Structure formats: C-alpha cells, structure tokens
Amino acid sequence: MSVMFFEPLDLLRVLCGVWFIPHCVGKIRNIGPASQTFAKAGLYPPRGFVVSTIILEIVAGVGLAANFHAKFAAALAVIVLAGASFAVLKINGFHWRWQKQGPEYMLFWAVACVLSVSG
C-alpha cells in the first residue's frame, strides 16, 4: 500500500472508468444529435454506432471502476476512445489542441486507461 490510503494506479483506473458516465448519459439523452455527429464522421448506421458505443462505454467504465476484468475493460476503452479520436479528426481535421477540437483528450484518456491496469 502506498503512503496514501489507496494506490495511485487504482485511483487512476477508477477515474478512467467513472469518466465514462457523463459520456454515456450525454449520448443516451441525445441519441438524435449524437447520431448526426456519427454520420458526419462517416460512421453508418449512425444510430447503431451510438448504441454500440454506449454499450462499450458502460462495459469499459464498470469494468475499470470495479476492477472487473480491468485489462479487457481498458482494451474496450481504448477502442472507444480511438474511435472518438478518429471521428474528431474526420469532422474537424487535424488539430491537436482542444481549443480547436483536437483528439488529444481522448488519446490521453486512452493511455491513462492502459497505464492504470499495467501494474
């Protein structure tokens, strides 16, 4: 055990999982607009991609937060986040900074998911 009350990588893993909650809630509440975004990225059928993404995010998020098959959950998270990065690049072009809607946040989150289960 660390000097803290928890292991830092465990906290990172839980945070990586919990951060999927607002993404899922946003997609569930806004399936129509989310579908339009997926269509702009060229992902068809867009509604099917939205539903699939919601399911993958729930499985990845719960797995990471609960440490249940965490490496598999991290792999699912990386797939979702790589897809989101692809969509952002396809819609907005290559911009690295978040101010220009770049993919760096999703890529950082994907790396954090992998690192959190690598111990």
Foldseek 3Di string as FASTA:
>chain_A
DDPDPDDPLLVLLLVLLVVLVVVLVVCVVCVPVQLVLCVLLVDPPSSVVSVVLSVLSNQLSCCSNVVPPLQVSLVSLLVSLVVVQSSQCSNQNDDCDVVSSHSVVSVVSSVSSNVSPVD
